[in-house]
Amino acid sequence: MSKILNYNSPAFAEDFDGLLHAKAEMSAEVVATVDGILSDIRDNGDNAVFAYTQKFDNVDLTADTVRFTDAEIKNAVSECDTDIVNALRHAHERIYAFHRETLPQPVSYTDEVGVKLEMRYTPMDSAGLYVPGGTASYPSSVLMNAVPAQVAGVPRIAITVPTPNGVINPYVLASAHIVGIDEIYKVGGAQAIGALAYGTESIAKVSQITGPGNAFVAAAKRAVFGTVGIDMIAGPSEILIIADTTANPEWVAYDVLAQAEHDASAQSIVITDDADLADEILRAVDAVLPTLPRHNIAGASWKNNGAVIVVDTMDTAFDLANQIAPEHLELCIANADTEANKIRNAGAIFLGHHTPEAVGDYIGGPNHVLPTARSASFASGLGVADFMKRTSVLGCDEISLNAIGPDAVKLAQTEGLDAHALSIIKRLEK
């Protein structure tokens, strides 16, 4: 059973700090392994990618087989249950509709002295989407990563997905088919990130890499940042649930375990101002846990990383929530709509008793690729803007330069940059 932390306990500050820092940092061994793989791919291209794929996934690839053919994609789609494909189509429609509304709008105006100012948004040339394979194969990740790139207008989108022992989840290919992507490679792990970042004979480099993965994928994304753009360095998934006396303890228990079943390193935290509710939630978790197919994973996550925090007031709960800066935040409370305004730091907020985080994972509309490990205090979830570049535009004529140029000259001279000043002065003299 996860322990209860009482806000009024003398040991709370120490216990709370331990809870926030319980997750391990990226290991030196993983980083060293990934650095070796990336170096090999820079030097040896396809040969290195194929060698690591054979080593880690037990799949022999060549330049002719590394990419899924149209026939392979079509055959995979034909294996899928029609009802599930229709559900994926429904999800795609909702995700696309939401992201279309978030498309950044250009700015263009001329100020009072005649200077023309603009902000233009242009799509990146290409994007590489990493989709996990094997036991952690998520067709929804295809939709969540592909849709914002498409809304942004990215002309080339490539997918890499590992196929351990030659096995592919057909719904991953069905999701790619739904969004209209056919450039899909049978490569995973750090070698996939390296191929997308540096390019090989068979896989052209991209401008931006997004998508979740294991520790090796995360380390590789961190290493190639700067050569390409990345969405974020994602850690284990996490949820914070704030619950008051109106919450259903069984529903909260299922939400706790829905997050815990992702990974033994995942974290589920509940904050409540009702000590009796805290006990009811713990009992409900204990009752539900043995019934889950992934009870070993969920149990390890809950035991090692989970907690229920009992506070004196809801305001204290909101304060702790902003310190935690969770990836997912459920507000299982009365007046969730208005109380949500007290939250400054969260990757995504789920309002009220009938909005479980799981609905956001699949079909709600907003993206499920979100900042973890308290990075929601400075980072945001994946969106259309992540696949676009901002370019400012500045235009002066003779009159407007005469209006603002003299002060620019003073600032340049103050900084000791004489050529900067002279480049303006010569135009003012004219």
Protein backbone atom coordinates (compact mmCIF):
# COMPACT_ATOMS: atom_id res chain seq x y z
CA MET A 1 0.00 0.00 0.00
CA SER A 2 1.20 3.50 -0.82
CA LYS A 3 1.85 5.63 2.22
CA ILE A 4 -0.28 8.56 3.35
CA LEU A 5 1.48 11.89 3.76
CA ASN A 6 -0.14 14.31 6.18
CA TYR A 7 0.46 17.96 5.41
CA ASN A 8 0.46 18.84 9.11
CA SER A 9 3.10 16.25 9.99
CA PRO A 10 6.52 17.61 11.03
CA ALA A 11 8.08 15.24 8.49
CA PHE A 12 5.88 16.37 5.60
CA ALA A 13 8.36 18.72 3.91
CA GLU A 14 11.04 16.01 3.81
CA ASP A 15 8.61 13.31 2.70
CA PHE A 16 7.10 15.56 0.01
CA ASP A 17 10.53 16.43 -1.35
CA GLY A 18 11.41 12.73 -1.49
CA LEU A 19 8.20 12.04 -3.39
CA LEU A 20 9.00 14.67 -6.00
CA HIS A 21 12.56 13.45 -6.49
CA ALA A 22 11.89 9.71 -6.32
CA LYS A 23 12.46 9.11 -10.03
CA ALA A 24 15.97 8.17 -11.12
CA GLU A 25 17.98 10.37 -13.43
CA MET A 26 19.16 9.10 -16.80
CA SER A 27 21.89 6.54 -16.09
CA ALA A 28 25.46 7.08 -17.24
CA GLU A 29 25.44 3.59 -18.73
CA VAL A 30 22.45 4.39 -20.93
CA VAL A 31 24.02 7.66 -22.06
CA ALA A 32 27.31 5.95 -22.93
CA THR A 33 25.54 3.21 -24.89
CA VAL A 34 23.47 5.73 -26.81
CA ASP A 35 26.49 7.90 -27.62
CA GLY A 36 28.21 4.86 -29.13
CA ILE A 37 25.17 3.99 -31.23
CA LEU A 38 24.78 7.54 -32.54
CA SER A 39 28.46 7.82 -33.39
CA ASP A 40 28.28 4.54 -35.30
CA ILE A 41 25.26 5.73 -37.27
CA ARG A 42 26.94 9.02 -38.19
CA ASP A 43 29.90 7.06 -39.53
CA ASN A 44 28.23 4.02 -41.05
CA GLY A 45 24.65 4.94 -41.89
CA ASP A 46 22.42 2.07 -42.96
CA ASN A 47 24.90 -0.62 -41.98
CA ALA A 48 24.89 0.55 -38.38
CA VAL A 49 21.11 0.93 -38.25
CA PHE A 50 20.58 -2.56 -39.62
CA ALA A 51 23.15 -4.09 -37.28
CA TYR A 52 21.56 -2.59 -34.17
CA THR A 53 18.09 -3.58 -35.36
CA GLN A 54 19.25 -7.16 -35.70
CA LYS A 55 20.95 -7.03 -32.30
CA PHE A 56 18.11 -5.47 -30.32
CA ASP A 57 14.98 -6.51 -32.24
CA ASN A 58 16.14 -9.72 -33.90
CA VAL A 59 15.12 -8.41 -37.31
CA ASP A 60 17.29 -8.53 -40.43
CA LEU A 61 16.77 -5.45 -42.59
CA THR A 62 18.14 -4.24 -45.88
CA ALA A 63 17.72 -1.09 -47.90
CA ASP A 64 14.90 -2.86 -49.74
CA THR A 65 13.02 -4.00 -46.62
CA VAL A 66 13.57 -1.25 -44.05
CA ARG A 67 10.47 0.65 -45.17
CA PHE A 68 6.98 -0.80 -45.02
CA THR A 69 5.60 -1.34 -48.49
CA ASP A 70 2.13 -0.24 -49.52
CA ALA A 71 1.13 -3.90 -49.62
CA GLU A 72 2.35 -4.48 -46.05
CA ILE A 73 0.40 -1.48 -44.82
CA LYS A 74 -2.72 -2.58 -46.69
CA ASN A 75 -2.46 -6.12 -45.34
CA ALA A 76 -2.06 -4.83 -41.78
CA VAL A 77 -5.13 -2.64 -42.10
CA SER A 78 -7.13 -5.59 -43.41
CA GLU A 79 -6.30 -7.53 -40.21
CA CYS A 80 -7.81 -4.84 -37.99
CA ASP A 81 -11.20 -4.95 -36.35
CA THR A 82 -13.51 -2.54 -38.18
CA ASP A 83 -14.96 -1.15 -34.95
CA ILE A 84 -11.49 -0.29 -33.63
CA VAL A 85 -10.50 1.35 -36.92
CA ASN A 86 -13.69 3.41 -36.77
CA ALA A 87 -12.80 4.42 -33.20
CA LEU A 88 -9.38 5.54 -34.44
CA ARG A 89 -11.07 7.53 -37.20
CA HIS A 90 -13.34 9.17 -34.63
CA ALA A 91 -10.32 10.03 -32.49
CA HIS A 92 -8.51 11.42 -35.53
CA GLU A 93 -11.44 13.70 -36.34
CA ARG A 94 -11.55 15.10 -32.82
CA ILE A 95 -7.78 15.53 -32.49
CA TYR A 96 -7.60 17.24 -35.88
CA ALA A 97 -10.50 19.59 -35.05
CA PHE A 98 -8.90 20.69 -31.78
CA HIS A 99 -5.43 21.24 -33.22
CA ARG A 100 -6.82 23.14 -36.20
CA GLU A 101 -8.23 25.68 -33.73
CA THR A 102 -4.77 26.18 -32.21
CA LEU A 103 -2.99 27.09 -35.47
CA PRO A 104 -0.88 30.20 -34.73
CA GLN A 105 -2.11 33.31 -36.50
CA PRO A 106 0.31 35.72 -38.19
CA VAL A 107 0.71 39.28 -36.94
CA SER A 108 1.16 42.25 -39.25
CA TYR A 109 0.87 45.96 -38.50
CA THR A 110 2.53 49.32 -39.04
CA ASP A 111 3.26 51.32 -35.89
CA GLU A 112 2.76 55.02 -35.24
CA VAL A 113 6.10 56.06 -36.79
CA GLY A 114 5.67 53.95 -39.91
CA VAL A 115 7.73 50.85 -39.04
CA LYS A 116 6.28 47.66 -40.52
CA LEU A 117 6.27 44.71 -38.11
CA GLU A 118 5.27 41.12 -38.76
CA MET A 119 5.40 37.67 -37.21
CA ARG A 120 5.20 34.89 -39.75
CA TYR A 121 4.72 31.19 -39.06
CA THR A 122 6.05 28.63 -41.50
CA PRO A 123 6.04 24.82 -41.22
CA MET A 124 9.21 22.82 -40.80
CA ASP A 125 10.40 20.98 -43.88
CA SER A 126 10.09 17.53 -42.32
CA ALA A 127 9.25 15.67 -39.14
CA GLY A 128 10.17 12.25 -37.76
CA LEU A 129 7.67 10.61 -35.45
CA TYR A 130 8.88 7.91 -33.09
CA VAL A 131 6.21 5.33 -32.21
CA PRO A 132 6.98 2.69 -29.57
CA GLY A 133 6.66 -0.95 -30.57
CA GLY A 134 6.49 -4.30 -28.84
CA THR A 135 4.58 -4.46 -25.54
CA ALA A 136 4.29 -0.65 -25.36
CA SER A 137 2.81 -0.13 -28.81
CA TYR A 138 0.33 2.72 -28.92
CA PRO A 139 -1.64 3.50 -32.11
CA SER A 140 -2.91 6.66 -30.41
CA SER A 141 0.66 8.00 -30.41
CA VAL A 142 0.58 8.05 -34.21
CA LEU A 143 -2.48 10.29 -34.19
CA MET A 144 -1.20 12.58 -31.44
CA ASN A 145 2.16 13.16 -33.13
CA ALA A 146 1.05 13.23 -36.75
CA VAL A 147 -1.99 15.50 -36.53
CA PRO A 148 -0.28 18.67 -35.22
CA ALA A 149 2.47 18.22 -37.83
CA GLN A 150 -0.14 17.96 -40.56
CA VAL A 151 -2.12 20.94 -39.30
CA ALA A 152 1.14 22.92 -39.26
CA GLY A 153 1.62 22.03 -42.92
CA VAL A 154 4.77 19.90 -42.67
CA PRO A 155 5.20 18.46 -46.18
CA ARG A 156 7.16 15.33 -45.25
CA ILE A 157 6.35 13.18 -42.21
CA ALA A 158 8.18 9.93 -41.52
CA ILE A 159 7.43 7.34 -38.85
CA THR A 160 9.85 4.91 -37.23
CA VAL A 161 8.48 1.99 -35.24
CA PRO A 162 10.39 -1.03 -33.93
CA THR A 163 9.18 -4.48 -34.95
CA PRO A 164 10.72 -6.85 -32.37
CA ASN A 165 11.00 -10.35 -33.83
CA GLY A 166 9.25 -9.01 -36.90
CA VAL A 167 5.99 -8.27 -35.05
CA ILE A 168 4.06 -5.06 -35.71
CA ASN A 169 0.85 -3.91 -34.09
CA PRO A 170 -1.44 -3.60 -37.14
CA TYR A 171 -3.32 -0.72 -35.54
CA VAL A 172 -0.14 1.38 -35.63
CA LEU A 173 -0.11 1.01 -39.40
CA ALA A 174 -3.87 1.55 -39.52
CA SER A 175 -3.45 4.84 -37.65
CA ALA A 176 -0.72 5.90 -40.07
CA HIS A 177 -3.02 4.98 -42.96
CA ILE A 178 -5.84 7.06 -41.46
CA VAL A 179 -3.64 10.17 -41.26
CA GLY A 180 -2.19 9.49 -44.70
CA ILE A 181 1.43 8.69 -43.85
CA ASP A 182 3.12 5.94 -45.84
CA GLU A 183 6.80 6.66 -45.07
CA ILE A 184 7.15 4.18 -42.21
CA TYR A 185 10.39 2.46 -41.20
CA LYS A 186 10.87 -0.78 -39.24
CA VAL A 187 13.45 0.72 -36.93
CA GLY A 188 13.31 1.61 -33.24
CA GLY A 189 15.48 2.54 -30.29
CA ALA A 190 18.38 4.98 -30.34
CA GLN A 191 19.26 3.82 -33.85
CA ALA A 192 15.94 5.20 -35.14
CA ILE A 193 16.59 8.58 -33.54
CA GLY A 194 20.09 8.62 -35.01
CA ALA A 195 18.81 7.78 -38.48
CA LEU A 196 16.20 10.54 -38.35
CA ALA A 197 18.68 13.09 -36.98
CA TYR A 198 21.67 12.41 -39.22
CA GLY A 199 20.14 10.64 -42.20
CA THR A 200 21.32 7.42 -43.80
CA GLU A 201 21.27 5.98 -47.30
CA SER A 202 17.68 4.78 -46.78
CA ILE A 203 16.25 7.23 -44.23
CA ALA A 204 16.50 10.93 -45.01
CA LYS A 205 17.16 13.29 -42.09
CA VAL A 206 14.33 15.36 -40.63
CA SER A 207 14.01 18.78 -39.03
CA GLN A 208 12.06 17.77 -35.93
CA ILE A 209 11.74 14.52 -33.94
CA THR A 210 8.80 13.85 -31.63
CA GLY A 211 7.27 10.92 -29.82
CA PRO A 212 7.67 8.84 -26.65
CA GLY A 213 10.13 6.03 -26.05
CA ASN A 214 12.20 4.19 -23.48
CA ALA A 215 15.27 5.49 -21.68
CA PHE A 216 17.51 4.85 -24.71
CA VAL A 217 15.17 6.80 -26.99
CA ALA A 218 15.01 9.67 -24.49
CA ALA A 219 18.80 9.76 -24.18
CA ALA A 220 19.17 9.75 -27.95
CA LYS A 221 16.73 12.63 -28.37
CA ARG A 222 18.66 14.63 -25.80
CA ALA A 223 21.94 13.90 -27.61
CA VAL A 224 20.75 14.92 -31.08
CA PHE A 225 19.02 18.11 -29.94
CA GLY A 226 20.68 20.96 -31.77
CA THR A 227 21.24 18.87 -34.87
CA VAL A 228 17.46 18.58 -35.05
CA GLY A 229 14.61 19.90 -32.96
CA ILE A 230 12.82 17.67 -30.46
CA ASP A 231 9.53 17.89 -28.63
CA MET A 232 10.78 17.12 -25.10
CA ILE A 233 12.72 14.64 -22.98
CA ALA A 234 9.85 12.57 -21.67
CA GLY A 235 10.17 10.58 -18.47
CA PRO A 236 7.78 8.08 -16.88
CA SER A 237 4.12 9.07 -17.00
CA GLU A 238 2.45 10.71 -14.00
CA ILE A 239 -0.89 11.86 -12.67
CA LEU A 240 -2.05 14.04 -9.79
CA ILE A 241 -5.66 13.76 -8.66
CA ILE A 242 -7.17 16.39 -6.39
CA ALA A 243 -10.28 14.94 -4.75
CA ASP A 244 -12.77 16.41 -2.30
CA THR A 245 -15.74 14.92 -0.44
CA THR A 246 -17.76 14.80 -3.67
CA ALA A 247 -15.32 12.35 -5.30
CA ASN A 248 -16.09 8.69 -5.91
CA PRO A 249 -13.24 6.74 -4.26
CA GLU A 250 -13.57 3.80 -6.66
CA TRP A 251 -13.35 6.08 -9.69
CA VAL A 252 -10.27 7.74 -8.24
CA ALA A 253 -8.72 4.32 -7.59
CA TYR A 254 -9.20 3.31 -11.21
CA ASP A 255 -7.65 6.60 -12.38
CA VAL A 256 -4.66 5.99 -10.09
CA LEU A 257 -4.14 2.53 -11.53
CA ALA A 258 -4.75 3.62 -15.12
CA GLN A 259 -1.61 5.70 -14.80
CA ALA A 260 0.30 3.11 -12.77
CA GLU A 261 -0.20 0.37 -15.35
CA HIS A 262 1.84 2.31 -17.91
CA ASP A 263 5.19 1.57 -16.29
CA ALA A 264 6.65 0.49 -12.96
CA SER A 265 8.28 3.93 -12.86
CA ALA A 266 5.02 5.81 -13.40
CA GLN A 267 3.72 7.94 -10.56
CA SER A 268 0.19 8.46 -9.21
CA ILE A 269 -0.50 10.97 -6.44
CA VAL A 270 -3.79 11.88 -4.81
CA ILE A 271 -4.36 15.01 -2.72
CA THR A 272 -7.50 15.32 -0.63
CA ASP A 273 -8.79 17.38 2.27
CA ASP A 274 -10.81 14.41 3.58
CA ALA A 275 -8.90 11.83 5.64
CA ASP A 276 -11.81 9.36 5.41
CA LEU A 277 -11.80 9.64 1.62
CA ALA A 278 -8.05 8.96 1.63
CA ASP A 279 -8.64 5.68 3.45
CA GLU A 280 -11.48 4.75 1.08
CA ILE A 281 -9.28 5.39 -1.96
CA LEU A 282 -6.50 3.21 -0.55
CA ARG A 283 -8.95 0.38 0.12
CA ALA A 284 -10.39 0.72 -3.38
CA VAL A 285 -6.93 0.57 -4.96
CA ASP A 286 -6.16 -2.60 -2.97
CA ALA A 287 -9.42 -4.15 -4.16
CA VAL A 288 -9.02 -3.24 -7.83
CA LEU A 289 -5.31 -3.89 -8.27
CA PRO A 290 -5.38 -7.74 -8.22
CA THR A 291 -8.04 -7.77 -10.96
CA LEU A 292 -5.86 -5.99 -13.53
CA PRO A 293 -3.93 -7.95 -16.19
CA ARG A 294 -0.98 -5.59 -15.64
CA HIS A 295 -1.23 -5.77 -11.85
CA ASN A 296 2.48 -6.49 -11.41
CA ILE A 297 3.46 -3.27 -13.22
CA ALA A 298 0.71 -1.18 -11.64
CA GLY A 299 1.44 -2.60 -8.20
CA ALA A 300 5.14 -1.78 -8.40
CA SER A 301 4.37 1.75 -9.56
CA TRP A 302 1.87 2.37 -6.78
CA LYS A 303 4.01 0.83 -4.08
CA ASN A 304 7.24 2.62 -4.98
CA ASN A 305 6.08 5.95 -6.38
CA GLY A 306 2.49 6.55 -5.34
CA ALA A 307 1.09 8.49 -2.40
CA VAL A 308 -2.05 9.99 -0.91
CA ILE A 309 -1.57 13.42 0.64
CA VAL A 310 -4.06 14.68 3.21
CA VAL A 311 -4.24 18.47 3.49
CA ASP A 312 -6.26 20.87 5.61
CA THR A 313 -7.76 22.98 2.79
CA MET A 314 -8.25 22.88 -0.95
CA ASP A 315 -6.09 25.98 -1.29
CA THR A 316 -3.22 23.96 0.15
CA ALA A 317 -3.98 21.24 -2.40
CA PHE A 318 -3.72 23.74 -5.25
CA ASP A 319 -0.47 25.12 -3.86
CA LEU A 320 1.05 21.63 -3.72
CA ALA A 321 -0.24 20.90 -7.21
CA ASN A 322 1.61 23.92 -8.58
CA GLN A 323 4.78 22.68 -6.90
CA ILE A 324 4.34 19.19 -8.33
CA ALA A 325 3.60 20.58 -11.84
CA PRO A 326 2.12 17.25 -12.97
CA GLU A 327 1.89 15.87 -16.46
CA HIS A 328 -1.81 15.11 -15.91
CA LEU A 329 -4.01 16.80 -13.32
CA GLU A 330 -7.52 15.56 -12.54
CA LEU A 331 -9.80 17.83 -10.54
CA CYS A 332 -12.30 15.42 -8.97
CA ILE A 333 -13.90 18.24 -7.02
CA ALA A 334 -16.98 20.42 -6.94
CA ASN A 335 -16.76 23.56 -9.10
CA ALA A 336 -13.81 22.18 -11.06
CA ASP A 337 -14.36 24.68 -13.88
CA THR A 338 -13.74 27.72 -11.70
CA GLU A 339 -11.21 26.15 -9.33
CA ALA A 340 -9.01 25.20 -12.30
CA ASN A 341 -8.02 28.87 -12.53
CA LYS A 342 -5.88 28.34 -9.44
CA ILE A 343 -3.62 25.93 -11.35
CA ARG A 344 -0.58 27.49 -13.00
CA ASN A 345 1.57 24.41 -13.64
CA ALA A 346 0.14 21.32 -15.34
CA GLY A 347 0.60 19.63 -18.69
CA ALA A 348 -3.12 18.96 -19.03
CA ILE A 349 -6.11 19.52 -16.73
CA PHE A 350 -9.15 17.24 -16.60
CA LEU A 351 -12.27 18.88 -15.18
CA GLY A 352 -14.72 17.18 -12.89
CA HIS A 353 -15.80 13.70 -11.95
CA HIS A 354 -16.72 12.62 -15.49
CA THR A 355 -13.43 13.54 -17.19
CA PRO A 356 -10.99 10.70 -16.53
CA GLU A 357 -7.48 11.27 -17.83
CA ALA A 358 -7.86 8.16 -19.99
CA VAL A 359 -10.35 9.91 -22.27
CA GLY A 360 -7.65 12.48 -23.00
CA ASP A 361 -5.23 9.73 -23.95
CA TYR A 362 -7.38 8.75 -26.88
CA ILE A 363 -10.27 10.85 -28.06
CA GLY A 364 -10.71 14.09 -26.13
CA GLY A 365 -8.92 16.26 -28.67
CA PRO A 366 -5.94 17.90 -26.90
CA ASN A 367 -2.59 16.21 -27.24
CA HIS A 368 -1.47 13.44 -24.90
CA VAL A 369 2.25 14.11 -25.45
CA LEU A 370 2.90 16.16 -22.30
CA PRO A 371 5.78 17.41 -20.12
CA THR A 372 6.80 15.09 -17.27
CA ALA A 373 9.05 15.23 -14.20
CA ARG A 374 7.76 18.64 -13.08
CA SER A 375 8.74 20.25 -16.38
CA ALA A 376 5.16 21.48 -16.77
CA SER A 377 6.38 24.46 -14.73
CA PHE A 378 8.18 25.68 -17.87
CA ALA A 379 7.15 23.44 -20.77
CA SER A 380 3.97 22.62 -22.68
CA GLY A 381 2.41 19.65 -24.40
CA LEU A 382 2.98 18.86 -28.06
CA GLY A 383 1.10 21.14 -30.41
CA VAL A 384 0.95 22.67 -33.84
CA ALA A 385 3.52 25.35 -32.95
CA ASP A 386 6.12 22.64 -32.27
CA PHE A 387 6.18 21.96 -36.01
CA MET A 388 6.41 25.59 -37.04
CA LYS A 389 9.03 28.33 -36.97
CA ARG A 390 8.41 31.95 -36.05
CA THR A 391 10.04 34.53 -38.26
CA SER A 392 9.89 38.23 -37.39
CA VAL A 393 9.82 40.83 -40.17
CA LEU A 394 10.90 44.46 -39.72
CA GLY A 395 10.60 47.17 -42.36
CA CYS A 396 11.71 50.82 -42.13
CA ASP A 397 11.50 53.54 -44.70
CA GLU A 398 13.52 56.80 -44.56
CA ILE A 399 11.00 58.54 -42.33
CA SER A 400 10.59 55.74 -39.81
CA LEU A 401 14.34 55.11 -39.63
CA ASN A 402 14.85 58.78 -38.82
CA ALA A 403 12.30 58.33 -36.00
CA ILE A 404 13.89 55.34 -34.25
CA GLY A 405 17.43 55.27 -35.61
CA PRO A 406 19.07 57.87 -33.33
CA ASP A 407 18.25 55.94 -30.18
CA ALA A 408 19.54 52.75 -31.80
CA VAL A 409 22.82 54.58 -32.50
CA LYS A 410 23.11 55.61 -28.84
CA LEU A 411 22.55 52.03 -27.67
CA ALA A 412 25.08 50.62 -30.14
CA GLN A 413 27.72 53.14 -29.04
CA THR A 414 26.99 52.35 -25.38
CA GLU A 415 27.74 48.71 -26.10
CA GLY A 416 30.95 49.61 -27.93
CA LEU A 417 29.77 48.30 -31.30
CA ASP A 418 30.88 51.07 -33.63
CA ALA A 419 30.03 49.34 -36.91
CA HIS A 420 26.49 48.79 -35.65
CA ALA A 421 26.16 52.51 -34.97
CA LEU A 422 27.74 53.54 -38.28
CA SER A 423 25.49 51.28 -40.32
CA ILE A 424 22.58 53.34 -39.04
CA ILE A 425 24.34 56.74 -39.05
CA LYS A 426 25.25 56.48 -42.74
CA ARG A 427 21.59 56.01 -43.63
CA LEU A 428 20.52 58.88 -41.37
CA GLU A 429 23.12 61.18 -43.02
CA LYS A 430 21.69 60.40 -46.43
